[in-house]
Amino acid sequence: MLSIRPNCEHCDVDLPADSVQAKVCSFECTFCTNCVENVLDNCCPNCGGDFQIRPIRPATNFKNGNYLGDYPAQTQRLHRPVDLKEHLKLLQIVREHLTNKA
């Protein structure tokens, strides 16, 4: 189940469960749209994958208890600012790989 992390790992901005500004990679690394687009170039600094908009878990129990009340968002913050020099190296590796695949 998606953990719904409460903040951007890079800039530490709040990303509540209903935020449309939260983006996740396939490992649920969580960043804000601003960091994904303007700092990370849509490349996860932890795995090299891309990002998608994080789904919003409903706050209302519409069906079978599948809502925030029974499955709350995570509260523990994970703040680990990205080393931008290292991220540029990763971006180069990922881009070369994608270019060679094409």
C-alpha atoms as a PDB file:
ATOM      1  CA  MET A   1       0.000   0.000   0.000  1.00  0.00           C
ATOM      2  CA  LEU A   2       1.247   3.480  -0.885  1.00  0.00           C
ATOM      3  CA  SER A   3       2.751   5.085   2.210  1.00  0.00           C
ATOM      4  CA  ILE A   4       1.816   8.714   1.310  1.00  0.00           C
ATOM      5  CA  ARG A   5       4.829  10.494   2.750  1.00  0.00           C
ATOM      6  CA  PRO A   6       4.201  13.930   4.268  1.00  0.00           C
ATOM      7  CA  ASN A   7       6.949  16.046   2.700  1.00  0.00           C
ATOM      8  CA  CYS A   8       9.354  16.598  -0.180  1.00  0.00           C
ATOM      9  CA  GLU A   9      12.571  14.710   0.469  1.00  0.00           C
ATOM     10  CA  HIS A  10      14.645  17.527  -1.031  1.00  0.00           C
ATOM     11  CA  CYS A  11      13.150  20.864   0.085  1.00  0.00           C
ATOM     12  CA  ASP A  12      11.020  19.540   2.981  1.00  0.00           C
ATOM     13  CA  VAL A  13       7.867  21.355   1.863  1.00  0.00           C
ATOM     14  CA  ASP A  14       4.660  19.858   3.291  1.00  0.00           C
ATOM     15  CA  LEU A  15       2.840  17.460   0.971  1.00  0.00           C
ATOM     16  CA  PRO A  16      -0.405  16.530   2.732  1.00  0.00           C
ATOM     17  CA  ALA A  17      -2.324  13.452   1.645  1.00  0.00           C
ATOM     18  CA  ASP A  18      -4.560  15.477  -0.675  1.00  0.00           C
ATOM     19  CA  SER A  19      -1.727  17.429  -2.322  1.00  0.00           C
ATOM     20  CA  VAL A  20      -1.676  17.534  -6.118  1.00  0.00           C
ATOM     21  CA  GLN A  21       1.932  18.781  -5.887  1.00  0.00           C
ATOM     22  CA  ALA A  22       3.335  15.423  -4.716  1.00  0.00           C
ATOM     23  CA  LYS A  23       5.201  13.204  -7.150  1.00  0.00           C
ATOM     24  CA  VAL A  24       6.551   9.702  -6.516  1.00  0.00           C
ATOM     25  CA  CYS A  25       8.861   7.247  -8.247  1.00  0.00           C
ATOM     26  CA  SER A  26       8.146   3.512  -8.316  1.00  0.00           C
ATOM     27  CA  PHE A  27       9.886   3.167  -4.927  1.00  0.00           C
ATOM     28  CA  GLU A  28       7.647   5.897  -3.448  1.00  0.00           C
ATOM     29  CA  CYS A  29      10.451   8.426  -3.122  1.00  0.00           C
ATOM     30  CA  THR A  30       8.431  11.612  -2.701  1.00  0.00           C
ATOM     31  CA  PHE A  31       9.237  15.057  -4.036  1.00  0.00           C
ATOM     32  CA  CYS A  32       7.260  18.193  -4.786  1.00  0.00           C
ATOM     33  CA  THR A  33       6.470  19.154  -8.374  1.00  0.00           C
ATOM     34  CA  ASN A  34       8.779  22.160  -8.150  1.00  0.00           C
ATOM     35  CA  CYS A  35      11.808  20.032  -7.207  1.00  0.00           C
ATOM     36  CA  VAL A  36      10.967  17.321  -9.756  1.00  0.00           C
ATOM     37  CA  GLU A  37      10.685  19.814 -12.598  1.00  0.00           C
ATOM     38  CA  ASN A  38      13.274  22.458 -11.650  1.00  0.00           C
ATOM     39  CA  VAL A  39      15.938  20.566  -9.710  1.00  0.00           C
ATOM     40  CA  LEU A  40      15.744  16.854 -10.533  1.00  0.00           C
ATOM     41  CA  ASP A  41      14.796  17.007 -14.231  1.00  0.00           C
ATOM     42  CA  ASN A  42      12.173  14.282 -13.626  1.00  0.00           C
ATOM     43  CA  CYS A  43      14.861  11.787 -12.552  1.00  0.00           C
ATOM     44  CA  CYS A  44      14.710  10.265  -9.069  1.00  0.00           C
ATOM     45  CA  PRO A  45      18.037  10.871  -7.301  1.00  0.00           C
ATOM     46  CA  ASN A  46      17.656   7.595  -5.410  1.00  0.00           C
ATOM     47  CA  CYS A  47      16.934   5.154  -8.261  1.00  0.00           C
ATOM     48  CA  GLY A  48      17.173   6.994 -11.593  1.00  0.00           C
ATOM     49  CA  GLY A  49      13.512   6.359 -12.417  1.00  0.00           C
ATOM     50  CA  ASP A  50      10.922   8.933 -13.400  1.00  0.00           C
ATOM     51  CA  PHE A  51       8.092  10.456 -11.401  1.00  0.00           C
ATOM     52  CA  GLN A  52       4.318  10.315 -11.555  1.00  0.00           C
ATOM     53  CA  ILE A  53       1.683  12.318  -9.704  1.00  0.00           C
ATOM     54  CA  ARG A  54       0.979  10.672  -6.350  1.00  0.00           C
ATOM     55  CA  PRO A  55      -2.594   9.350  -6.154  1.00  0.00           C
ATOM     56  CA  ILE A  56      -4.883  10.879  -3.545  1.00  0.00           C
ATOM     57  CA  ARG A  57      -6.357   8.480  -1.001  1.00  0.00           C
ATOM     58  CA  PRO A  58      -9.907   9.602  -0.197  1.00  0.00           C
ATOM     59  CA  ALA A  59     -10.566  11.153   3.202  1.00  0.00           C
ATOM     60  CA  THR A  60     -14.135   9.822   3.105  1.00  0.00           C
ATOM     61  CA  ASN A  61     -15.078   6.158   3.466  1.00  0.00           C
ATOM     62  CA  PHE A  62     -16.843   5.715   0.155  1.00  0.00           C
ATOM     63  CA  LYS A  63     -16.421   1.936   0.110  1.00  0.00           C
ATOM     64  CA  ASN A  64     -15.176  -0.867   2.373  1.00  0.00           C
ATOM     65  CA  GLY A  65     -12.993   1.271   4.654  1.00  0.00           C
ATOM     66  CA  ASN A  66     -10.575   2.163   1.871  1.00  0.00           C
ATOM     67  CA  TYR A  67      -9.820   5.694   3.058  1.00  0.00           C
ATOM     68  CA  LEU A  68      -7.408   7.721   5.171  1.00  0.00           C
ATOM     69  CA  GLY A  69      -9.307   6.877   8.353  1.00  0.00           C
ATOM     70  CA  ASP A  70      -8.407   3.183   8.102  1.00  0.00           C
ATOM     71  CA  TYR A  71      -5.179   3.658   6.107  1.00  0.00           C
ATOM     72  CA  PRO A  72      -3.641   6.943   7.285  1.00  0.00           C
ATOM     73  CA  ALA A  73      -0.846   8.771   5.537  1.00  0.00           C
ATOM     74  CA  GLN A  74       2.638   8.384   6.957  1.00  0.00           C
ATOM     75  CA  THR A  75       3.661  11.015   9.496  1.00  0.00           C
ATOM     76  CA  GLN A  76       7.414  10.415   9.681  1.00  0.00           C
ATOM     77  CA  ARG A  77       9.248  12.990   7.575  1.00  0.00           C
ATOM     78  CA  LEU A  78      12.160  12.019   5.359  1.00  0.00           C
ATOM     79  CA  HIS A  79      14.386  14.996   4.562  1.00  0.00           C
ATOM     80  CA  ARG A  80      17.521  14.212   2.628  1.00  0.00           C
ATOM     81  CA  PRO A  81      18.487  17.083   0.325  1.00  0.00           C
ATOM     82  CA  VAL A  82      19.886  15.973  -3.007  1.00  0.00           C
ATOM     83  CA  ASP A  83      23.596  16.384  -3.709  1.00  0.00           C
ATOM     84  CA  LEU A  84      23.238  18.266  -6.988  1.00  0.00           C
ATOM     85  CA  LYS A  85      26.733  17.385  -8.268  1.00  0.00           C
ATOM     86  CA  GLU A  86      26.023  13.692  -7.771  1.00  0.00           C
ATOM     87  CA  HIS A  87      22.593  14.067  -9.326  1.00  0.00           C
ATOM     88  CA  LEU A  88      24.099  15.566 -12.486  1.00  0.00           C
ATOM     89  CA  LYS A  89      26.309  12.475 -12.781  1.00  0.00           C
ATOM     90  CA  LEU A  90      23.266  10.222 -12.411  1.00  0.00           C
ATOM     91  CA  LEU A  91      21.338  12.247 -15.002  1.00  0.00           C
ATOM     92  CA  GLN A  92      24.174  11.772 -17.494  1.00  0.00           C
ATOM     93  CA  ILE A  93      24.218   8.000 -16.915  1.00  0.00           C
ATOM     94  CA  VAL A  94      20.433   7.713 -17.262  1.00  0.00           C
ATOM     95  CA  ARG A  95      20.340   9.869 -20.420  1.00  0.00           C
ATOM     96  CA  GLU A  96      23.173   7.876 -22.052  1.00  0.00           C
ATOM     97  CA  HIS A  97      21.342   4.652 -21.276  1.00  0.00           C
ATOM     98  CA  LEU A  98      18.086   5.948 -22.740  1.00  0.00           C
ATOM     99  CA  THR A  99      19.875   7.254 -25.836  1.00  0.00           C
ATOM    100  CA  ASN A 100      21.559   3.895 -26.425  1.00  0.00           C
ATOM    101  CA  LYS A 101      18.193   2.100 -26.116  1.00  0.00           C
ATOM    102  CA  ALA A 102      16.601   4.240 -28.822  1.00  0.00           C
END
